[in-house]
Amino acid sequence: MSRLVVRSARRYLAHHPWQIVLLIVGVALGVGVVVSIDLANASAQRAFSLSMDALVGKATHQIVAGSSGLPDDLYRKLKLEADLAPLAPVVEGVVRADGPQGTTLRLLGIDPFAEAAFRP
């Protein structure tokens, strides 16, 4: 029975050679598309990870102020009195630019001398 199937397949493929070519091209194209999508996803994920590291740094903790804000001497107390790992403050706020349009901007403040342990 298997000899009959093999002979029939050979005869069919001998009469239709373009079908085998199209089969091989289709499989190769499908594999290529899957590999390229996987590479694009990995590249996008790596770029996102690098941009997050550049933005956030190596921060492990975060202190968020309420509506009344934080005391001015909190950073000094944490830096000098508490036995903590290196600290680097990041102050973030929203400001309105002076002008006819009144553009709203996000202000980001850092201490460049304390940032060396977190960002290059």
PDB file of N, CA and C in Angstrom:
ATOM      1  N   MET A   1       0.824  -1.200   0.000  1.00  0.00           N
ATOM      2  CA  MET A   1       0.000   0.000   0.000  1.00  0.00           C
ATOM      3  C   MET A   1       0.862   1.255   0.000  1.00  0.00           C
ATOM      4  N   SER A   2       1.954   1.277   0.792  1.00  0.00           N
ATOM      5  CA  SER A   2       2.785   2.473   0.870  1.00  0.00           C
ATOM      6  C   SER A   2       3.521   2.708  -0.453  1.00  0.00           C
ATOM      7  N   ARG A   3       3.912   1.636  -1.166  1.00  0.00           N
ATOM      8  CA  ARG A   3       4.565   1.804  -2.463  1.00  0.00           C
ATOM      9  C   ARG A   3       3.634   2.486  -3.451  1.00  0.00           C
ATOM     10  N   LEU A   4       2.390   2.123  -3.387  1.00  0.00           N
ATOM     11  CA  LEU A   4       1.398   2.714  -4.280  1.00  0.00           C
ATOM     12  C   LEU A   4       1.225   4.207  -4.003  1.00  0.00           C
ATOM     13  N   VAL A   5       1.218   4.576  -2.737  1.00  0.00           N
ATOM     14  CA  VAL A   5       1.072   5.994  -2.360  1.00  0.00           C
ATOM     15  C   VAL A   5       2.302   6.786  -2.814  1.00  0.00           C
ATOM     16  N   VAL A   6       3.492   6.229  -2.606  1.00  0.00           N
ATOM     17  CA  VAL A   6       4.728   6.911  -2.990  1.00  0.00           C
ATOM     18  C   VAL A   6       4.786   7.086  -4.506  1.00  0.00           C
ATOM     19  N   ARG A   7       4.440   6.049  -5.254  1.00  0.00           N
ATOM     20  CA  ARG A   7       4.448   6.146  -6.721  1.00  0.00           C
ATOM     21  C   ARG A   7       3.436   7.172  -7.204  1.00  0.00           C
ATOM     22  N   SER A   8       2.269   7.192  -6.576  1.00  0.00           N
ATOM     23  CA  SER A   8       1.233   8.157  -6.959  1.00  0.00           C
ATOM     24  C   SER A   8       1.687   9.587  -6.662  1.00  0.00           C
ATOM     25  N   ALA A   9       2.336   9.771  -5.521  1.00  0.00           N
ATOM     26  CA  ALA A   9       2.827  11.111  -5.161  1.00  0.00           C
ATOM     27  C   ALA A   9       3.917  11.565  -6.110  1.00  0.00           C
ATOM     28  N   ARG A  10       4.825  10.666  -6.468  1.00  0.00           N
ATOM     29  CA  ARG A  10       5.890  11.008  -7.403  1.00  0.00           C
ATOM     30  C   ARG A  10       5.322  11.399  -8.764  1.00  0.00           C
ATOM     31  N   ARG A  11       4.367  10.637  -9.205  1.00  0.00           N
ATOM     32  CA  ARG A  11       3.767  10.911 -10.507  1.00  0.00           C
ATOM     33  C   ARG A  11       3.039  12.271 -10.478  1.00  0.00           C
ATOM     34  N   TYR A  12       2.323  12.538  -9.383  1.00  0.00           N
ATOM     35  CA  TYR A  12       1.593  13.804  -9.265  1.00  0.00           C
ATOM     36  C   TYR A  12       2.566  14.983  -9.247  1.00  0.00           C
ATOM     37  N   LEU A  13       3.647  14.869  -8.454  1.00  0.00           N
ATOM     38  CA  LEU A  13       4.625  15.954  -8.355  1.00  0.00           C
ATOM     39  C   LEU A  13       5.414  16.127  -9.651  1.00  0.00           C
ATOM     40  N   ALA A  14       5.599  15.058 -10.387  1.00  0.00           N
ATOM     41  CA  ALA A  14       6.286  15.168 -11.671  1.00  0.00           C
ATOM     42  C   ALA A  14       5.438  15.961 -12.666  1.00  0.00           C
ATOM     43  N   HIS A  15       4.124  15.842 -12.564  1.00  0.00           N
ATOM     44  CA  HIS A  15       3.234  16.573 -13.468  1.00  0.00           C
ATOM     45  C   HIS A  15       2.956  18.002 -12.984  1.00  0.00           C
ATOM     46  N   HIS A  16       3.186  18.268 -11.693  1.00  0.00           N
ATOM     47  CA  HIS A  16       2.904  19.595 -11.114  1.00  0.00           C
ATOM     48  C   HIS A  16       4.131  20.107 -10.330  1.00  0.00           C
ATOM     49  N   PRO A  17       5.210  20.419 -11.010  1.00  0.00           N
ATOM     50  CA  PRO A  17       6.424  20.833 -10.284  1.00  0.00           C
ATOM     51  C   PRO A  17       6.298  22.198  -9.603  1.00  0.00           C
ATOM     52  N   TRP A  18       5.450  23.078 -10.138  1.00  0.00           N
ATOM     53  CA  TRP A  18       5.318  24.406  -9.537  1.00  0.00           C
ATOM     54  C   TRP A  18       4.643  24.363  -8.176  1.00  0.00           C
ATOM     55  N   GLN A  19       3.853  23.353  -7.916  1.00  0.00           N
ATOM     56  CA  GLN A  19       3.201  23.253  -6.613  1.00  0.00           C
ATOM     57  C   GLN A  19       4.227  23.006  -5.511  1.00  0.00           C
ATOM     58  N   ILE A  20       5.230  22.193  -5.783  1.00  0.00           N
ATOM     59  CA  ILE A  20       6.261  21.951  -4.777  1.00  0.00           C
ATOM     60  C   ILE A  20       7.095  23.206  -4.563  1.00  0.00           C
ATOM     61  N   VAL A  21       7.348  23.951  -5.650  1.00  0.00           N
ATOM     62  CA  VAL A  21       8.100  25.212  -5.517  1.00  0.00           C
ATOM     63  C   VAL A  21       7.291  26.207  -4.681  1.00  0.00           C
ATOM     64  N   LEU A  22       6.005  26.340  -4.971  1.00  0.00           N
ATOM     65  CA  LEU A  22       5.158  27.248  -4.208  1.00  0.00           C
ATOM     66  C   LEU A  22       5.031  26.800  -2.751  1.00  0.00           C
ATOM     67  N   LEU A  23       5.017  25.518  -2.510  1.00  0.00           N
ATOM     68  CA  LEU A  23       4.962  24.998  -1.143  1.00  0.00           C
ATOM     69  C   LEU A  23       6.206  25.421  -0.364  1.00  0.00           C
ATOM     70  N   ILE A  24       7.380  25.233  -0.960  1.00  0.00           N
ATOM     71  CA  ILE A  24       8.634  25.581  -0.292  1.00  0.00           C
ATOM     72  C   ILE A  24       8.730  27.089  -0.079  1.00  0.00           C
ATOM     73  N   VAL A  25       8.352  27.877  -1.077  1.00  0.00           N
ATOM     74  CA  VAL A  25       8.383  29.338  -0.946  1.00  0.00           C
ATOM     75  C   VAL A  25       7.403  29.801   0.127  1.00  0.00           C
ATOM     76  N   GLY A  26       6.227  29.211   0.179  1.00  0.00           N
ATOM     77  CA  GLY A  26       5.229  29.585   1.190  1.00  0.00           C
ATOM     78  C   GLY A  26       5.693  29.284   2.604  1.00  0.00           C
ATOM     79  N   VAL A  27       6.284  28.113   2.800  1.00  0.00           N
ATOM     80  CA  VAL A  27       6.788  27.757   4.132  1.00  0.00           C
ATOM     81  C   VAL A  27       7.939  28.684   4.521  1.00  0.00           C
ATOM     82  N   ALA A  28       8.847  28.953   3.583  1.00  0.00           N
ATOM     83  CA  ALA A  28       9.981  29.847   3.878  1.00  0.00           C
ATOM     84  C   ALA A  28       9.491  31.254   4.196  1.00  0.00           C
ATOM     85  N   LEU A  29       8.521  31.726   3.447  1.00  0.00           N
ATOM     86  CA  LEU A  29       7.968  33.051   3.702  1.00  0.00           C
ATOM     87  C   LEU A  29       7.273  33.110   5.061  1.00  0.00           C
ATOM     88  N   GLY A  30       6.537  32.096   5.415  1.00  0.00           N
ATOM     89  CA  GLY A  30       5.877  32.053   6.721  1.00  0.00           C
ATOM     90  C   GLY A  30       6.868  32.050   7.868  1.00  0.00           C
ATOM     91  N   VAL A  31       7.932  31.261   7.746  1.00  0.00           N
ATOM     92  CA  VAL A  31       8.965  31.232   8.783  1.00  0.00           C
ATOM     93  C   VAL A  31       9.654  32.590   8.882  1.00  0.00           C
ATOM     94  N   GLY A  32       9.916  33.200   7.728  1.00  0.00           N
ATOM     95  CA  GLY A  32      10.551  34.521   7.728  1.00  0.00           C
ATOM     96  C   GLY A  32       9.695  35.578   8.404  1.00  0.00           C
ATOM     97  N   VAL A  33       8.400  35.552   8.167  1.00  0.00           N
ATOM     98  CA  VAL A  33       7.496  36.521   8.783  1.00  0.00           C
ATOM     99  C   VAL A  33       7.456  36.321  10.298  1.00  0.00           C
ATOM    100  N   VAL A  34       7.370  35.091  10.755  1.00  0.00           N
ATOM    101  CA  VAL A  34       7.333  34.817  12.196  1.00  0.00           C
ATOM    102  C   VAL A  34       8.631  35.260  12.869  1.00  0.00           C
ATOM    103  N   VAL A  35       9.761  34.978  12.251  1.00  0.00           N
ATOM    104  CA  VAL A  35      11.056  35.377  12.816  1.00  0.00           C
ATOM    105  C   VAL A  35      11.180  36.899  12.844  1.00  0.00           C
ATOM    106  N   SER A  36      10.751  37.573  11.790  1.00  0.00           N
ATOM    107  CA  SER A  36      10.860  39.033  11.763  1.00  0.00           C
ATOM    108  C   SER A  36       9.952  39.685  12.799  1.00  0.00           C
ATOM    109  N   ILE A  37       8.768  39.166  12.995  1.00  0.00           N
ATOM    110  CA  ILE A  37       7.875  39.697  14.025  1.00  0.00           C
ATOM    111  C   ILE A  37       8.476  39.483  15.408  1.00  0.00           C
ATOM    112  N   ASP A  38       9.059  38.321  15.633  1.00  0.00           N
ATOM    113  CA  ASP A  38       9.693  38.045  16.922  1.00  0.00           C
ATOM    114  C   ASP A  38      10.870  38.992  17.162  1.00  0.00           C
ATOM    115  N   LEU A  39      11.678  39.234  16.138  1.00  0.00           N
ATOM    116  CA  LEU A  39      12.797  40.171  16.268  1.00  0.00           C
ATOM    117  C   LEU A  39      12.319  41.598  16.527  1.00  0.00           C
ATOM    118  N   ALA A  40      11.250  42.019  15.852  1.00  0.00           N
ATOM    119  CA  ALA A  40      10.711  43.364  16.057  1.00  0.00           C
ATOM    120  C   ALA A  40      10.169  43.517  17.476  1.00  0.00           C
ATOM    121  N   ASN A  41       9.474  42.499  17.976  1.00  0.00           N
ATOM    122  CA  ASN A  41       8.959  42.558  19.347  1.00  0.00           C
ATOM    123  C   ASN A  41      10.092  42.616  20.360  1.00  0.00           C
ATOM    124  N   ALA A  42      11.119  41.805  20.179  1.00  0.00           N
ATOM    125  CA  ALA A  42      12.251  41.806  21.100  1.00  0.00           C
ATOM    126  C   ALA A  42      12.979  43.145  21.055  1.00  0.00           C
ATOM    127  N   SER A  43      13.132  43.718  19.884  1.00  0.00           N
ATOM    128  CA  SER A  43      13.796  45.010  19.743  1.00  0.00           C
ATOM    129  C   SER A  43      12.989  46.117  20.411  1.00  0.00           C
ATOM    130  N   ALA A  44      11.683  46.122  20.222  1.00  0.00           N
ATOM    131  CA  ALA A  44      10.830  47.135  20.846  1.00  0.00           C
ATOM    132  C   ALA A  44      10.841  47.004  22.366  1.00  0.00           C
ATOM    133  N   GLN A  45      10.807  45.780  22.852  1.00  0.00           N
ATOM    134  CA  GLN A  45      10.841  45.564  24.297  1.00  0.00           C
ATOM    135  C   GLN A  45      12.179  46.018  24.881  1.00  0.00           C
ATOM    136  N   ARG A  46      13.273  45.756  24.204  1.00  0.00           N
ATOM    137  CA  ARG A  46      14.597  46.181  24.674  1.00  0.00           C
ATOM    138  C   ARG A  46      14.701  47.707  24.657  1.00  0.00           C
ATOM    139  N   ALA A  47      14.188  48.346  23.611  1.00  0.00           N
ATOM    140  CA  ALA A  47      14.218  49.809  23.531  1.00  0.00           C
ATOM    141  C   ALA A  47      13.381  50.425  24.645  1.00  0.00           C
ATOM    142  N   PHE A  48      12.229  49.842  24.926  1.00  0.00           N
ATOM    143  CA  PHE A  48      11.383  50.342  26.012  1.00  0.00           C
ATOM    144  C   PHE A  48      12.091  50.181  27.347  1.00  0.00           C
ATOM    145  N   SER A  49      12.725  49.046  27.557  1.00  0.00           N
ATOM    146  CA  SER A  49      13.451  48.812  28.807  1.00  0.00           C
ATOM    147  C   SER A  49      14.603  49.796  28.978  1.00  0.00           C
ATOM    148  N   LEU A  50      15.349  50.054  27.906  1.00  0.00           N
ATOM    149  CA  LEU A  50      16.456  51.004  27.986  1.00  0.00           C
ATOM    150  C   LEU A  50      15.969  52.424  28.241  1.00  0.00           C
ATOM    151  N   SER A  51      14.871  52.813  27.618  1.00  0.00           N
ATOM    152  CA  SER A  51      14.354  54.162  27.839  1.00  0.00           C
ATOM    153  C   SER A  51      13.800  54.313  29.251  1.00  0.00           C
ATOM    154  N   MET A  52      13.202  53.266  29.784  1.00  0.00           N
ATOM    155  CA  MET A  52      12.728  53.327  31.173  1.00  0.00           C
ATOM    156  C   MET A  52      13.893  53.419  32.137  1.00  0.00           C
ATOM    157  N   ASP A  53      14.962  52.688  31.880  1.00  0.00           N
ATOM    158  CA  ASP A  53      16.145  52.770  32.734  1.00  0.00           C
ATOM    159  C   ASP A  53      16.771  54.156  32.668  1.00  0.00           C
ATOM    160  N   ALA A  54      16.780  54.757  31.491  1.00  0.00           N
ATOM    161  CA  ALA A  54      17.341  56.094  31.349  1.00  0.00           C
ATOM    162  C   ALA A  54      16.491  57.135  32.071  1.00  0.00           C
ATOM    163  N   LEU A  55      15.183  56.940  32.052  1.00  0.00           N
ATOM    164  CA  LEU A  55      14.282  57.886  32.695  1.00  0.00           C
ATOM    165  C   LEU A  55      14.230  57.698  34.198  1.00  0.00           C
ATOM    166  N   VAL A  56      14.032  56.489  34.634  1.00  0.00           N
ATOM    167  CA  VAL A  56      13.827  56.208  36.047  1.00  0.00           C
ATOM    168  C   VAL A  56      15.146  56.023  36.775  1.00  0.00           C
ATOM    169  N   GLY A  57      16.130  55.478  36.104  1.00  0.00           N
ATOM    170  CA  GLY A  57      17.395  55.181  36.765  1.00  0.00           C
ATOM    171  C   GLY A  57      17.292  53.879  37.532  1.00  0.00           C
ATOM    172  N   LYS A  58      18.071  53.789  38.589  1.00  0.00           N
ATOM    173  CA  LYS A  58      18.073  52.568  39.382  1.00  0.00           C
ATOM    174  C   LYS A  58      17.363  52.786  40.707  1.00  0.00           C
ATOM    175  N   ALA A  59      16.328  53.578  40.691  1.00  0.00           N
ATOM    176  CA  ALA A  59      15.600  53.908  41.916  1.00  0.00           C
ATOM    177  C   ALA A  59      14.892  52.674  42.468  1.00  0.00           C
ATOM    178  N   THR A  60      14.895  52.576  43.801  1.00  0.00           N
ATOM    179  CA  THR A  60      14.221  51.463  44.461  1.00  0.00           C
ATOM    180  C   THR A  60      13.055  51.937  45.313  1.00  0.00           C
ATOM    181  N   HIS A  61      13.078  53.207  45.749  1.00  0.00           N
ATOM    182  CA  HIS A  61      12.024  53.741  46.603  1.00  0.00           C
ATOM    183  C   HIS A  61      11.560  55.086  46.058  1.00  0.00           C
ATOM    184  N   GLN A  62      10.373  55.456  46.492  1.00  0.00           N
ATOM    185  CA  GLN A  62       9.807  56.706  46.029  1.00  0.00           C
ATOM    186  C   GLN A  62       8.998  57.307  47.171  1.00  0.00           C
ATOM    187  N   ILE A  63       9.174  58.587  47.411  1.00  0.00           N
ATOM    188  CA  ILE A  63       8.389  59.319  48.406  1.00  0.00           C
ATOM    189  C   ILE A  63       7.532  60.305  47.638  1.00  0.00           C
ATOM    190  N   VAL A  64       6.222  60.191  47.798  1.00  0.00           N
ATOM    191  CA  VAL A  64       5.298  61.048  47.072  1.00  0.00           C
ATOM    192  C   VAL A  64       4.613  61.970  48.072  1.00  0.00           C
ATOM    193  N   ALA A  65       4.605  63.252  47.774  1.00  0.00           N
ATOM    194  CA  ALA A  65       3.993  64.239  48.659  1.00  0.00           C
ATOM    195  C   ALA A  65       2.492  64.301  48.441  1.00  0.00           C
ATOM    196  N   GLY A  66       1.797  64.660  49.480  1.00  0.00           N
ATOM    197  CA  GLY A  66       0.359  64.893  49.385  1.00  0.00           C
ATOM    198  C   GLY A  66       0.107  66.307  48.910  1.00  0.00           C
ATOM    199  N   SER A  67      -1.070  66.817  49.175  1.00  0.00           N
ATOM    200  CA  SER A  67      -1.416  68.162  48.719  1.00  0.00           C
ATOM    201  C   SER A  67      -0.643  69.244  49.465  1.00  0.00           C
ATOM    202  N   SER A  68      -0.196  68.952  50.690  1.00  0.00           N
ATOM    203  CA  SER A  68       0.537  69.963  51.461  1.00  0.00           C
ATOM    204  C   SER A  68       2.032  69.945  51.170  1.00  0.00           C
ATOM    205  N   GLY A  69       2.526  68.966  50.424  1.00  0.00           N
ATOM    206  CA  GLY A  69       3.936  68.885  50.086  1.00  0.00           C
ATOM    207  C   GLY A  69       4.737  68.169  51.156  1.00  0.00           C
ATOM    208  N   LEU A  70       6.061  68.204  51.000  1.00  0.00           N
ATOM    209  CA  LEU A  70       6.973  67.586  51.960  1.00  0.00           C
ATOM    210  C   LEU A  70       7.761  68.663  52.687  1.00  0.00           C
ATOM    211  N   PRO A  71       8.172  68.396  53.928  1.00  0.00           N
ATOM    212  CA  PRO A  71       9.019  69.374  54.628  1.00  0.00           C
ATOM    213  C   PRO A  71      10.351  69.550  53.903  1.00  0.00           C
ATOM    214  N   ASP A  72      10.903  70.752  53.961  1.00  0.00           N
ATOM    215  CA  ASP A  72      12.145  71.065  53.255  1.00  0.00           C
ATOM    216  C   ASP A  72      13.338  70.288  53.792  1.00  0.00           C
ATOM    217  N   ASP A  73      13.334  69.969  55.070  1.00  0.00           N
ATOM    218  CA  ASP A  73      14.499  69.306  55.659  1.00  0.00           C
ATOM    219  C   ASP A  73      14.407  67.782  55.614  1.00  0.00           C
ATOM    220  N   LEU A  74      13.406  67.221  54.953  1.00  0.00           N
ATOM    221  CA  LEU A  74      13.258  65.763  54.883  1.00  0.00           C
ATOM    222  C   LEU A  74      14.433  65.112  54.168  1.00  0.00           C
ATOM    223  N   TYR A  75      14.860  65.693  53.064  1.00  0.00           N
ATOM    224  CA  TYR A  75      15.984  65.123  52.313  1.00  0.00           C
ATOM    225  C   TYR A  75      17.260  65.147  53.153  1.00  0.00           C
ATOM    226  N   ARG A  76      17.496  66.249  53.854  1.00  0.00           N
ATOM    227  CA  ARG A  76      18.685  66.351  54.698  1.00  0.00           C
ATOM    228  C   ARG A  76      18.659  65.303  55.808  1.00  0.00           C
ATOM    229  N   LYS A  77      17.497  65.122  56.419  1.00  0.00           N
ATOM    230  CA  LYS A  77      17.372  64.110  57.482  1.00  0.00           C
ATOM    231  C   LYS A  77      17.622  62.710  56.936  1.00  0.00           C
ATOM    232  N   LEU A  78      17.050  62.406  55.794  1.00  0.00           N
ATOM    233  CA  LEU A  78      17.238  61.079  55.202  1.00  0.00           C
ATOM    234  C   LEU A  78      18.685  60.862  54.790  1.00  0.00           C
ATOM    235  N   LYS A  79      19.312  61.888  54.260  1.00  0.00           N
ATOM    236  CA  LYS A  79      20.684  61.768  53.762  1.00  0.00           C
ATOM    237  C   LYS A  79      21.687  61.630  54.907  1.00  0.00           C
ATOM    238  N   LEU A  80      21.525  62.417  55.950  1.00  0.00           N
ATOM    239  CA  LEU A  80      22.512  62.454  57.017  1.00  0.00           C
ATOM    240  C   LEU A  80      22.211  61.509  58.174  1.00  0.00           C
ATOM    241  N   GLU A  81      20.964  61.427  58.582  1.00  0.00           N
ATOM    242  CA  GLU A  81      20.632  60.693  59.798  1.00  0.00           C
ATOM    243  C   GLU A  81      20.247  59.241  59.556  1.00  0.00           C
ATOM    244  N   ALA A  82      19.536  58.976  58.486  1.00  0.00           N
ATOM    245  CA  ALA A  82      19.084  57.607  58.226  1.00  0.00           C
ATOM    246  C   ALA A  82      20.213  56.807  57.581  1.00  0.00           C
ATOM    247  N   ASP A  83      20.304  55.558  57.936  1.00  0.00           N
ATOM    248  CA  ASP A  83      21.324  54.685  57.350  1.00  0.00           C
ATOM    249  C   ASP A  83      20.740  54.032  56.099  1.00  0.00           C
ATOM    250  N   LEU A  84      20.727  54.788  55.015  1.00  0.00           N
ATOM    251  CA  LEU A  84      20.119  54.325  53.766  1.00  0.00           C
ATOM    252  C   LEU A  84      21.171  54.251  52.669  1.00  0.00           C
ATOM    253  N   ALA A  85      20.802  53.597  51.611  1.00  0.00           N
ATOM    254  CA  ALA A  85      21.639  53.547  50.410  1.00  0.00           C
ATOM    255  C   ALA A  85      21.717  54.960  49.824  1.00  0.00           C
ATOM    256  N   PRO A  86      22.507  55.168  48.803  1.00  0.00           N
ATOM    257  CA  PRO A  86      22.610  56.506  48.207  1.00  0.00           C
ATOM    258  C   PRO A  86      21.235  57.064  47.825  1.00  0.00           C
ATOM    259  N   LEU A  87      21.053  58.349  48.061  1.00  0.00           N
ATOM    260  CA  LEU A  87      19.788  59.028  47.776  1.00  0.00           C
ATOM    261  C   LEU A  87      19.993  60.073  46.693  1.00  0.00           C
ATOM    262  N   ALA A  88      18.991  60.264  45.877  1.00  0.00           N
ATOM    263  CA  ALA A  88      19.016  61.316  44.864  1.00  0.00           C
ATOM    264  C   ALA A  88      17.595  61.841  44.692  1.00  0.00           C
ATOM    265  N   PRO A  89      17.363  63.089  45.035  1.00  0.00           N
ATOM    266  CA  PRO A  89      16.002  63.623  44.923  1.00  0.00           C
ATOM    267  C   PRO A  89      15.639  63.948  43.475  1.00  0.00           C
ATOM    268  N   VAL A  90      14.393  63.723  43.161  1.00  0.00           N
ATOM    269  CA  VAL A  90      13.829  64.142  41.880  1.00  0.00           C
ATOM    270  C   VAL A  90      12.562  64.916  42.215  1.00  0.00           C
ATOM    271  N   VAL A  91      12.555  66.187  41.879  1.00  0.00           N
ATOM    272  CA  VAL A  91      11.415  67.044  42.158  1.00  0.00           C
ATOM    273  C   VAL A  91      10.660  67.227  40.856  1.00  0.00           C
ATOM    274  N   GLU A  92       9.368  66.983  40.915  1.00  0.00           N
ATOM    275  CA  GLU A  92       8.546  67.043  39.711  1.00  0.00           C
ATOM    276  C   GLU A  92       7.340  67.920  39.981  1.00  0.00           C
ATOM    277  N   GLY A  93       6.997  68.767  39.032  1.00  0.00           N
ATOM    278  CA  GLY A  93       5.840  69.636  39.192  1.00  0.00           C
ATOM    279  C   GLY A  93       5.358  70.158  37.862  1.00  0.00           C
ATOM    280  N   VAL A  94       4.225  70.836  37.909  1.00  0.00           N
ATOM    281  CA  VAL A  94       3.628  71.421  36.714  1.00  0.00           C
ATOM    282  C   VAL A  94       3.682  72.932  36.872  1.00  0.00           C
ATOM    283  N   VAL A  95       4.187  73.619  35.851  1.00  0.00           N
ATOM    284  CA  VAL A  95       4.288  75.082  35.880  1.00  0.00           C
ATOM    285  C   VAL A  95       3.604  75.659  34.650  1.00  0.00           C
ATOM    286  N   ARG A  96       3.201  76.907  34.780  1.00  0.00           N
ATOM    287  CA  ARG A  96       2.578  77.600  33.649  1.00  0.00           C
ATOM    288  C   ARG A  96       3.547  78.648  33.143  1.00  0.00           C
ATOM    289  N   ALA A  97       3.854  78.591  31.847  1.00  0.00           N
ATOM    290  CA  ALA A  97       4.781  79.538  31.237  1.00  0.00           C
ATOM    291  C   ALA A  97       4.114  80.897  31.090  1.00  0.00           C
ATOM    292  N   ASP A  98       4.901  81.929  31.299  1.00  0.00           N
ATOM    293  CA  ASP A  98       4.393  83.287  31.192  1.00  0.00           C
ATOM    294  C   ASP A  98       4.347  83.693  29.727  1.00  0.00           C
ATOM    295  N   GLY A  99       3.220  84.073  29.265  1.00  0.00           N
ATOM    296  CA  GLY A  99       3.084  84.472  27.871  1.00  0.00           C
ATOM    297  C   GLY A  99       1.626  84.541  27.468  1.00  0.00           C
ATOM    298  N   PRO A 100       1.370  84.907  26.225  1.00  0.00           N
ATOM    299  CA  PRO A 100      -0.023  85.050  25.787  1.00  0.00           C
ATOM    300  C   PRO A 100      -0.775  83.722  25.715  1.00  0.00           C
ATOM    301  N   GLN A 101      -0.068  82.637  25.418  1.00  0.00           N
ATOM    302  CA  GLN A 101      -0.746  81.345  25.300  1.00  0.00           C
ATOM    303  C   GLN A 101      -0.884  80.647  26.639  1.00  0.00           C
ATOM    304  N   GLY A 102      -0.034  80.948  27.610  1.00  0.00           N
ATOM    305  CA  GLY A 102      -0.106  80.314  28.920  1.00  0.00           C
ATOM    306  C   GLY A 102       0.165  78.824  28.852  1.00  0.00           C
ATOM    307  N   THR A 103       1.248  78.429  28.218  1.00  0.00           N
ATOM    308  CA  THR A 103       1.578  77.024  28.036  1.00  0.00           C
ATOM    309  C   THR A 103       1.884  76.360  29.372  1.00  0.00           C
ATOM    310  N   THR A 104       1.369  75.170  29.577  1.00  0.00           N
ATOM    311  CA  THR A 104       1.643  74.406  30.784  1.00  0.00           C
ATOM    312  C   THR A 104       2.784  73.433  30.497  1.00  0.00           C
ATOM    313  N   LEU A 105       3.769  73.407  31.386  1.00  0.00           N
ATOM    314  CA  LEU A 105       4.943  72.563  31.207  1.00  0.00           C
ATOM    315  C   LEU A 105       5.152  71.693  32.438  1.00  0.00           C
ATOM    316  N   ARG A 106       5.789  70.577  32.243  1.00  0.00           N
ATOM    317  CA  ARG A 106       6.188  69.717  33.359  1.00  0.00           C
ATOM    318  C   ARG A 106       7.638  70.026  33.694  1.00  0.00           C
ATOM    319  N   LEU A 107       7.884  70.378  34.952  1.00  0.00           N
ATOM    320  CA  LEU A 107       9.214  70.746  35.424  1.00  0.00           C
ATOM    321  C   LEU A 107       9.803  69.558  36.176  1.00  0.00           C
ATOM    322  N   LEU A 108      11.044  69.219  35.836  1.00  0.00           N
ATOM    323  CA  LEU A 108      11.738  68.103  36.470  1.00  0.00           C
ATOM    324  C   LEU A 108      13.050  68.631  37.023  1.00  0.00           C
ATOM    325  N   GLY A 109      13.247  68.472  38.331  1.00  0.00           N
ATOM    326  CA  GLY A 109      14.465  68.945  38.969  1.00  0.00           C
ATOM    327  C   GLY A 109      15.220  67.794  39.605  1.00  0.00           C
ATOM    328  N   ILE A 110      16.544  67.773  39.424  1.00  0.00           N
ATOM    329  CA  ILE A 110      17.385  66.734  40.000  1.00  0.00           C
ATOM    330  C   ILE A 110      18.584  67.375  40.685  1.00  0.00           C
ATOM    331  N   ASP A 111      19.243  66.614  41.530  1.00  0.00           N
ATOM    332  CA  ASP A 111      20.506  67.028  42.131  1.00  0.00           C
ATOM    333  C   ASP A 111      21.611  66.332  41.348  1.00  0.00           C
ATOM    334  N   PRO A 112      22.326  67.042  40.474  1.00  0.00           N
ATOM    335  CA  PRO A 112      23.302  66.373  39.604  1.00  0.00           C
ATOM    336  C   PRO A 112      24.458  65.734  40.369  1.00  0.00           C
ATOM    337  N   PHE A 113      24.758  66.235  41.571  1.00  0.00           N
ATOM    338  CA  PHE A 113      25.861  65.649  42.340  1.00  0.00           C
ATOM    339  C   PHE A 113      25.459  64.342  43.005  1.00  0.00           C
ATOM    340  N   ALA A 114      24.183  64.182  43.326  1.00  0.00           N
ATOM    341  CA  ALA A 114      23.700  62.947  43.955  1.00  0.00           C
ATOM    342  C   ALA A 114      23.285  61.909  42.926  1.00  0.00           C
ATOM    343  N   GLU A 115      23.108  62.331  41.676  1.00  0.00           N
ATOM    344  CA  GLU A 115      22.629  61.428  40.628  1.00  0.00           C
ATOM    345  C   GLU A 115      23.680  60.470  40.098  1.00  0.00           C
ATOM    346  N   ALA A 116      24.940  60.667  40.404  1.00  0.00           N
ATOM    347  CA  ALA A 116      26.009  59.843  39.832  1.00  0.00           C
ATOM    348  C   ALA A 116      25.846  58.374  40.152  1.00  0.00           C
ATOM    349  N   ALA A 117      25.276  58.048  41.291  1.00  0.00           N
ATOM    350  CA  ALA A 117      25.095  56.640  41.666  1.00  0.00           C
ATOM    351  C   ALA A 117      23.937  55.995  40.920  1.00  0.00           C
ATOM    352  N   PHE A 118      23.089  56.802  40.300  1.00  0.00           N
ATOM    353  CA  PHE A 118      21.892  56.259  39.659  1.00  0.00           C
ATOM    354  C   PHE A 118      21.902  56.354  38.146  1.00  0.00           C
ATOM    355  N   ARG A 119      22.451  57.430  37.631  1.00  0.00           N
ATOM    356  CA  ARG A 119      22.467  57.654  36.182  1.00  0.00           C
ATOM    357  C   ARG A 119      23.880  58.017  35.747  1.00  0.00           C
ATOM    358  N   PRO A 120      24.283  57.613  34.558  1.00  0.00           N
ATOM    359  CA  PRO A 120      25.635  57.968  34.091  1.00  0.00           C
ATOM    360  C   PRO A 120      25.722  59.451  33.761  1.00  0.00           C
TER     361      PRO A 120
END
